[in-house]
PDB file of N, CA and C in Angstrom:
ATOM      1  N   MET A   1      23.456  -7.719  -9.315  1.00  0.00           N
ATOM      2  CA  MET A   1      23.960  -6.779  -8.450  1.00  0.00           C
ATOM      3  C   MET A   1      23.241  -5.399  -8.421  1.00  0.00           C
ATOM      4  N   GLU A   2      22.645  -5.182  -7.103  1.00  0.00           N
ATOM      5  CA  GLU A   2      21.766  -4.096  -7.073  1.00  0.00           C
ATOM      6  C   GLU A   2      22.713  -2.700  -7.181  1.00  0.00           C
ATOM      7  N   LYS A   3      22.241  -1.495  -7.466  1.00  0.00           N
ATOM      8  CA  LYS A   3      22.902  -0.245  -7.471  1.00  0.00           C
ATOM      9  C   LYS A   3      22.174   0.553  -6.624  1.00  0.00           C
ATOM     10  N   CYS A   4      22.839   1.787  -5.763  1.00  0.00           N
ATOM     11  CA  CYS A   4      22.097   2.541  -5.198  1.00  0.00           C
ATOM     12  C   CYS A   4      22.483   3.999  -5.622  1.00  0.00           C
ATOM     13  N   ASN A   5      21.363   4.803  -5.946  1.00  0.00           N
ATOM     14  CA  ASN A   5      21.476   6.184  -6.533  1.00  0.00           C
ATOM     15  C   ASN A   5      20.823   7.081  -5.473  1.00  0.00           C
ATOM     16  N   ILE A   6      21.331   8.173  -5.221  1.00  0.00           N
ATOM     17  CA  ILE A   6      20.970   9.265  -4.748  1.00  0.00           C
ATOM     18  C   ILE A   6      20.160  10.586  -5.340  1.00  0.00           C
ATOM     19  N   LEU A   7      19.128  10.914  -5.128  1.00  0.00           N
ATOM     20  CA  LEU A   7      18.116  11.875  -5.545  1.00  0.00           C
ATOM     21  C   LEU A   7      18.222  13.082  -4.667  1.00  0.00           C
ATOM     22  N   ASP A   8      18.541  14.184  -4.744  1.00  0.00           N
ATOM     23  CA  ASP A   8      18.439  15.226  -3.926  1.00  0.00           C
ATOM     24  C   ASP A   8      17.600  16.120  -4.395  1.00  0.00           C
ATOM     25  N   VAL A   9      16.304  16.160  -3.461  1.00  0.00           N
ATOM     26  CA  VAL A   9      15.210  17.164  -4.004  1.00  0.00           C
ATOM     27  C   VAL A   9      14.847  18.084  -2.857  1.00  0.00           C
ATOM     28  N   GLN A  10      15.869  18.316  -2.105  1.00  0.00           N
ATOM     29  CA  GLN A  10      15.543  19.212  -0.952  1.00  0.00           C
ATOM     30  C   GLN A  10      15.200  20.617  -1.592  1.00  0.00           C
ATOM     31  N   GLY A  11      14.108  21.228  -0.851  1.00  0.00           N
ATOM     32  CA  GLY A  11      13.771  22.539  -1.405  1.00  0.00           C
ATOM     33  C   GLY A  11      12.704  22.672  -2.490  1.00  0.00           C
ATOM     34  N   LEU A  12      12.194  21.280  -2.797  1.00  0.00           N
ATOM     35  CA  LEU A  12      11.238  21.134  -3.898  1.00  0.00           C
ATOM     36  C   LEU A  12       9.925  20.967  -3.428  1.00  0.00           C
ATOM     37  N   ALA A  13       8.856  21.434  -3.719  1.00  0.00           N
ATOM     38  CA  ALA A  13       7.444  21.104  -3.136  1.00  0.00           C
ATOM     39  C   ALA A  13       7.018  19.801  -3.975  1.00  0.00           C
ATOM     40  N   CYS A  14       5.758  19.507  -3.343  1.00  0.00           N
ATOM     41  CA  CYS A  14       4.937  18.247  -4.018  1.00  0.00           C
ATOM     42  C   CYS A  14       4.532  19.112  -5.096  1.00  0.00           C
ATOM     43  N   PRO A  15       4.129  18.412  -6.388  1.00  0.00           N
ATOM     44  CA  PRO A  15       4.631  16.825  -6.463  1.00  0.00           C
ATOM     45  C   PRO A  15       6.137  16.873  -7.139  1.00  0.00           C
ATOM     46  N   LEU A  16       6.992  17.538  -7.083  1.00  0.00           N
ATOM     47  CA  LEU A  16       8.380  17.606  -7.819  1.00  0.00           C
ATOM     48  C   LEU A  16       8.856  16.547  -7.203  1.00  0.00           C
ATOM     49  N   PRO A  17       9.278  16.245  -6.131  1.00  0.00           N
ATOM     50  CA  PRO A  17      10.155  15.090  -5.720  1.00  0.00           C
ATOM     51  C   PRO A  17       9.721  14.028  -6.186  1.00  0.00           C
ATOM     52  N   VAL A  18       8.348  13.336  -6.210  1.00  0.00           N
ATOM     53  CA  VAL A  18       7.781  12.271  -6.727  1.00  0.00           C
ATOM     54  C   VAL A  18       8.096  12.122  -8.146  1.00  0.00           C
ATOM     55  N   LEU A  19       7.876  13.219  -8.897  1.00  0.00           N
ATOM     56  CA  LEU A  19       7.927  13.174 -10.395  1.00  0.00           C
ATOM     57  C   LEU A  19       9.514  13.067 -10.527  1.00  0.00           C
ATOM     58  N   ARG A  20      10.215  13.538  -9.789  1.00  0.00           N
ATOM     59  CA  ARG A  20      11.844  13.575 -10.414  1.00  0.00           C
ATOM     60  C   ARG A  20      12.274  12.259 -10.070  1.00  0.00           C
ATOM     61  N   ALA A  21      11.840  11.515  -9.225  1.00  0.00           N
ATOM     62  CA  ALA A  21      12.199  10.287  -8.570  1.00  0.00           C
ATOM     63  C   ALA A  21      11.512   9.261  -9.707  1.00  0.00           C
ATOM     64  N   ASN A  22      10.359   9.378 -10.111  1.00  0.00           N
ATOM     65  CA  ASN A  22       9.736   8.729 -11.028  1.00  0.00           C
ATOM     66  C   ASN A  22      10.513   8.515 -12.287  1.00  0.00           C
ATOM     67  N   LYS A  23      11.031   9.762 -12.784  1.00  0.00           N
ATOM     68  CA  LYS A  23      11.923   9.888 -13.994  1.00  0.00           C
ATOM     69  C   LYS A  23      13.535   9.063 -13.903  1.00  0.00           C
ATOM     70  N   VAL A  24      13.880   9.293 -12.454  1.00  0.00           N
ATOM     71  CA  VAL A  24      14.936   8.534 -12.227  1.00  0.00           C
ATOM     72  C   VAL A  24      14.912   7.010 -12.173  1.00  0.00           C
ATOM     73  N   LEU A  25      13.727   6.596 -11.637  1.00  0.00           N
ATOM     74  CA  LEU A  25      13.370   5.057 -11.553  1.00  0.00           C
ATOM     75  C   LEU A  25      13.195   4.772 -12.863  1.00  0.00           C
ATOM     76  N   ARG A  26      12.769   5.174 -13.851  1.00  0.00           N
ATOM     77  CA  ARG A  26      12.347   4.814 -15.115  1.00  0.00           C
ATOM     78  C   ARG A  26      13.642   4.073 -15.805  1.00  0.00           C
ATOM     79  N   GLY A  27      14.722   4.781 -15.398  1.00  0.00           N
ATOM     80  CA  GLY A  27      15.983   4.601 -16.188  1.00  0.00           C
ATOM     81  C   GLY A  27      16.756   3.441 -15.278  1.00  0.00           C
ATOM     82  N   MET A  28      16.444   2.892 -14.266  1.00  0.00           N
ATOM     83  CA  MET A  28      17.299   2.010 -13.429  1.00  0.00           C
ATOM     84  C   MET A  28      16.655   0.563 -13.865  1.00  0.00           C
ATOM     85  N   ALA A  29      17.578  -0.324 -13.226  1.00  0.00           N
ATOM     86  CA  ALA A  29      17.109  -1.813 -13.174  1.00  0.00           C
ATOM     87  C   ALA A  29      16.408  -2.143 -12.245  1.00  0.00           C
ATOM     88  N   GLY A  30      15.547  -3.192 -12.499  1.00  0.00           N
ATOM     89  CA  GLY A  30      14.682  -3.793 -11.287  1.00  0.00           C
ATOM     90  C   GLY A  30      15.651  -4.558 -10.296  1.00  0.00           C
ATOM     91  N   GLY A  31      15.167  -3.801  -9.051  1.00  0.00           N
ATOM     92  CA  GLY A  31      16.102  -4.267  -7.812  1.00  0.00           C
ATOM     93  C   GLY A  31      16.800  -3.249  -7.202  1.00  0.00           C
ATOM     94  N   ASP A  32      17.427  -2.235  -8.189  1.00  0.00           N
ATOM     95  CA  ASP A  32      18.098  -1.011  -7.969  1.00  0.00           C
ATOM     96  C   ASP A  32      17.455  -0.429  -6.838  1.00  0.00           C
ATOM     97  N   GLU A  33      18.272   0.222  -5.923  1.00  0.00           N
ATOM     98  CA  GLU A  33      17.634   1.356  -4.894  1.00  0.00           C
ATOM     99  C   GLU A  33      17.980   2.921  -5.333  1.00  0.00           C
ATOM    100  N   LEU A  34      16.692   3.655  -5.000  1.00  0.00           N
ATOM    101  CA  LEU A  34      16.843   5.013  -4.944  1.00  0.00           C
ATOM    102  C   LEU A  34      16.737   5.491  -3.535  1.00  0.00           C
ATOM    103  N   THR A  35      17.712   6.451  -3.222  1.00  0.00           N
ATOM    104  CA  THR A  35      17.471   7.020  -1.944  1.00  0.00           C
ATOM    105  C   THR A  35      17.278   8.620  -2.434  1.00  0.00           C
ATOM    106  N   VAL A  36      16.088   8.923  -1.784  1.00  0.00           N
ATOM    107  CA  VAL A  36      15.586  10.461  -2.278  1.00  0.00           C
ATOM    108  C   VAL A  36      15.924  11.277  -0.845  1.00  0.00           C
ATOM    109  N   LEU A  37      16.313  12.352  -1.105  1.00  0.00           N
ATOM    110  CA  LEU A  37      16.637  13.230   0.105  1.00  0.00           C
ATOM    111  C   LEU A  37      15.517  14.536  -0.019  1.00  0.00           C
ATOM    112  N   ALA A  38      14.529  14.817   0.916  1.00  0.00           N
ATOM    113  CA  ALA A  38      13.640  15.838   0.553  1.00  0.00           C
ATOM    114  C   ALA A  38      13.239  16.623   1.588  1.00  0.00           C
ATOM    115  N   THR A  39      12.896  17.807   1.721  1.00  0.00           N
ATOM    116  CA  THR A  39      12.515  18.500   2.765  1.00  0.00           C
ATOM    117  C   THR A  39      10.808  18.944   2.860  1.00  0.00           C
ATOM    118  N   ASP A  40      10.386  18.503   1.890  1.00  0.00           N
ATOM    119  CA  ASP A  40       8.861  18.746   1.840  1.00  0.00           C
ATOM    120  C   ASP A  40       8.191  17.957   2.827  1.00  0.00           C
ATOM    121  N   ALA A  41       7.356  18.224   3.859  1.00  0.00           N
ATOM    122  CA  ALA A  41       6.704  17.423   4.827  1.00  0.00           C
ATOM    123  C   ALA A  41       5.900  16.490   4.382  1.00  0.00           C
ATOM    124  N   ALA A  42       5.437  16.678   3.144  1.00  0.00           N
ATOM    125  CA  ALA A  42       4.400  15.800   2.553  1.00  0.00           C
ATOM    126  C   ALA A  42       5.215  14.523   1.761  1.00  0.00           C
ATOM    127  N   ALA A  43       6.628  14.631   1.823  1.00  0.00           N
ATOM    128  CA  ALA A  43       7.272  13.504   0.911  1.00  0.00           C
ATOM    129  C   ALA A  43       7.022  12.394   1.457  1.00  0.00           C
ATOM    130  N   PRO A  44       7.113  12.067   2.887  1.00  0.00           N
ATOM    131  CA  PRO A  44       6.954  10.483   3.258  1.00  0.00           C
ATOM    132  C   PRO A  44       5.464   9.927   2.730  1.00  0.00           C
ATOM    133  N   ARG A  45       4.482  10.817   3.094  1.00  0.00           N
ATOM    134  CA  ARG A  45       3.186  10.136   2.561  1.00  0.00           C
ATOM    135  C   ARG A  45       2.943  10.269   1.131  1.00  0.00           C
ATOM    136  N   ASP A  46       3.490  11.042   0.231  1.00  0.00           N
ATOM    137  CA  ASP A  46       3.574  11.196  -1.109  1.00  0.00           C
ATOM    138  C   ASP A  46       4.130   9.639  -1.839  1.00  0.00           C
ATOM    139  N   PHE A  47       5.404   9.666  -1.130  1.00  0.00           N
ATOM    140  CA  PHE A  47       6.129   8.409  -1.551  1.00  0.00           C
ATOM    141  C   PHE A  47       5.590   7.211  -1.170  1.00  0.00           C
ATOM    142  N   ASP A  48       4.974   7.138  -0.113  1.00  0.00           N
ATOM    143  CA  ASP A  48       4.214   5.973   0.514  1.00  0.00           C
ATOM    144  C   ASP A  48       2.930   5.621  -0.785  1.00  0.00           C
ATOM    145  N   SER A  49       2.222   6.572  -1.295  1.00  0.00           N
ATOM    146  CA  SER A  49       1.425   6.289  -1.896  1.00  0.00           C
ATOM    147  C   SER A  49       1.753   6.210  -3.320  1.00  0.00           C
ATOM    148  N   TYR A  50       2.924   6.525  -3.768  1.00  0.00           N
ATOM    149  CA  TYR A  50       3.462   6.323  -5.052  1.00  0.00           C
ATOM    150  C   TYR A  50       4.012   4.883  -4.936  1.00  0.00           C
ATOM    151  N   CYS A  51       4.640   4.329  -4.067  1.00  0.00           N
ATOM    152  CA  CYS A  51       4.958   3.033  -4.051  1.00  0.00           C
ATOM    153  C   CYS A  51       3.948   2.218  -4.200  1.00  0.00           C
ATOM    154  N   LYS A  52       2.849   2.437  -3.398  1.00  0.00           N
ATOM    155  CA  LYS A  52       1.637   1.233  -3.536  1.00  0.00           C
ATOM    156  C   LYS A  52       0.987   1.459  -4.875  1.00  0.00           C
ATOM    157  N   SER A  53       0.984   2.544  -5.579  1.00  0.00           N
ATOM    158  CA  SER A  53       0.427   2.519  -6.938  1.00  0.00           C
ATOM    159  C   SER A  53       1.307   2.126  -8.070  1.00  0.00           C
ATOM    160  N   THR A  54       2.527   2.069  -7.833  1.00  0.00           N
ATOM    161  CA  THR A  54       3.549   1.592  -8.785  1.00  0.00           C
ATOM    162  C   THR A  54       4.046   0.423  -8.490  1.00  0.00           C
ATOM    163  N   GLY A  55       4.065  -0.280  -7.368  1.00  0.00           N
ATOM    164  CA  GLY A  55       4.559  -1.578  -7.089  1.00  0.00           C
ATOM    165  C   GLY A  55       6.231  -1.469  -6.419  1.00  0.00           C
ATOM    166  N   HIS A  56       6.659  -0.302  -6.478  1.00  0.00           N
ATOM    167  CA  HIS A  56       7.945  -0.327  -5.919  1.00  0.00           C
ATOM    168  C   HIS A  56       8.057  -0.652  -4.628  1.00  0.00           C
ATOM    169  N   GLN A  57       8.912  -0.820  -3.975  1.00  0.00           N
ATOM    170  CA  GLN A  57       9.181  -1.158  -2.557  1.00  0.00           C
ATOM    171  C   GLN A  57       9.647  -0.183  -1.613  1.00  0.00           C
ATOM    172  N   LEU A  58       8.840   0.410  -0.824  1.00  0.00           N
ATOM    173  CA  LEU A  58       9.536   1.651   0.114  1.00  0.00           C
ATOM    174  C   LEU A  58      10.087   0.867   1.216  1.00  0.00           C
ATOM    175  N   LEU A  59      11.437   0.921   1.266  1.00  0.00           N
ATOM    176  CA  LEU A  59      12.340   0.143   2.221  1.00  0.00           C
ATOM    177  C   LEU A  59      12.709   1.034   3.687  1.00  0.00           C
ATOM    178  N   GLU A  60      12.799   2.301   3.334  1.00  0.00           N
ATOM    179  CA  GLU A  60      12.825   3.094   4.508  1.00  0.00           C
ATOM    180  C   GLU A  60      12.222   4.604   4.253  1.00  0.00           C
ATOM    181  N   SER A  61      11.867   5.226   5.298  1.00  0.00           N
ATOM    182  CA  SER A  61      11.185   6.638   5.360  1.00  0.00           C
ATOM    183  C   SER A  61      11.626   7.269   6.823  1.00  0.00           C
ATOM    184  N   SER A  62      12.697   8.044   6.994  1.00  0.00           N
ATOM    185  CA  SER A  62      13.137   8.696   8.119  1.00  0.00           C
ATOM    186  C   SER A  62      13.228  10.008   7.934  1.00  0.00           C
ATOM    187  N   GLU A  63      13.486  10.689   8.893  1.00  0.00           N
ATOM    188  CA  GLU A  63      13.625  12.315   9.070  1.00  0.00           C
ATOM    189  C   GLU A  63      14.828  12.567  10.174  1.00  0.00           C
ATOM    190  N   GLU A  64      15.579  13.236   9.496  1.00  0.00           N
ATOM    191  CA  GLU A  64      16.759  14.055  10.438  1.00  0.00           C
ATOM    192  C   GLU A  64      16.951  15.423  10.318  1.00  0.00           C
ATOM    193  N   GLU A  65      16.495  16.355  11.340  1.00  0.00           N
ATOM    194  CA  GLU A  65      16.991  17.603  11.095  1.00  0.00           C
ATOM    195  C   GLU A  65      16.400  18.312   9.840  1.00  0.00           C
ATOM    196  N   GLY A  66      14.908  17.982   9.810  1.00  0.00           N
ATOM    197  CA  GLY A  66      14.103  18.418   8.729  1.00  0.00           C
ATOM    198  C   GLY A  66      14.334  17.948   7.136  1.00  0.00           C
ATOM    199  N   VAL A  67      15.277  16.860   7.198  1.00  0.00           N
ATOM    200  CA  VAL A  67      15.542  16.216   5.876  1.00  0.00           C
ATOM    201  C   VAL A  67      14.910  14.816   5.844  1.00  0.00           C
ATOM    202  N   PHE A  68      14.022  14.524   4.991  1.00  0.00           N
ATOM    203  CA  PHE A  68      13.515  13.183   4.925  1.00  0.00           C
ATOM    204  C   PHE A  68      14.492  12.365   3.994  1.00  0.00           C
ATOM    205  N   ARG A  69      14.577  11.039   4.421  1.00  0.00           N
ATOM    206  CA  ARG A  69      15.529  10.213   3.787  1.00  0.00           C
ATOM    207  C   ARG A  69      14.385   8.900   3.222  1.00  0.00           C
ATOM    208  N   ILE A  70      14.402   8.867   1.909  1.00  0.00           N
ATOM    209  CA  ILE A  70      13.291   7.794   1.513  1.00  0.00           C
ATOM    210  C   ILE A  70      14.095   6.665   0.723  1.00  0.00           C
ATOM    211  N   VAL A  71      14.121   5.543   0.922  1.00  0.00           N
ATOM    212  CA  VAL A  71      14.512   4.503   0.053  1.00  0.00           C
ATOM    213  C   VAL A  71      13.767   3.534  -0.623  1.00  0.00           C
ATOM    214  N   ILE A  72      13.705   3.607  -1.936  1.00  0.00           N
ATOM    215  CA  ILE A  72      12.633   2.965  -2.715  1.00  0.00           C
ATOM    216  C   ILE A  72      13.654   1.808  -3.607  1.00  0.00           C
ATOM    217  N   ARG A  73      13.095   0.757  -3.416  1.00  0.00           N
ATOM    218  CA  ARG A  73      13.791  -0.546  -4.403  1.00  0.00           C
ATOM    219  C   ARG A  73      12.679  -0.344  -5.678  1.00  0.00           C
ATOM    220  N   LYS A  74      13.160  -0.268  -6.768  1.00  0.00           N
ATOM    221  CA  LYS A  74      12.286  -0.494  -7.935  1.00  0.00           C
ATOM    222  C   LYS A  74      11.951  -2.131  -8.192  1.00  0.00           C
ATOM    223  N   LYS A  75      10.672  -2.165  -8.508  1.00  0.00           N
ATOM    224  CA  LYS A  75      10.365  -3.562  -8.884  1.00  0.00           C
ATOM    225  C   LYS A  75      10.596  -4.283  -9.839  1.00  0.00           C
ATOM    226  N   GLY A  76      10.713  -5.427  -9.868  1.00  0.00           N
ATOM    227  CA  GLY A  76      10.960  -6.237 -11.012  1.00  0.00           C
ATOM    228  C   GLY A  76      12.415  -6.529 -10.841  1.00  0.00           C
TER     229      GLY A  76
END
């Protein structure tokens, strides 16, 4: 059964959102999803690159009122 976690990194600048997400993902089971809430304009691009390099799946990347919502499924 997949589990969804939320990581709020609003107000943090690159590379902190990706570093914090990586730390959380390490403690998650394969197939679990992590929703990241970020305000750094570089976050969508950074997480796209991060997922391509780690094998995690980027499920969603959207923006509403200056907050980016990025959903990642952990590989494996």
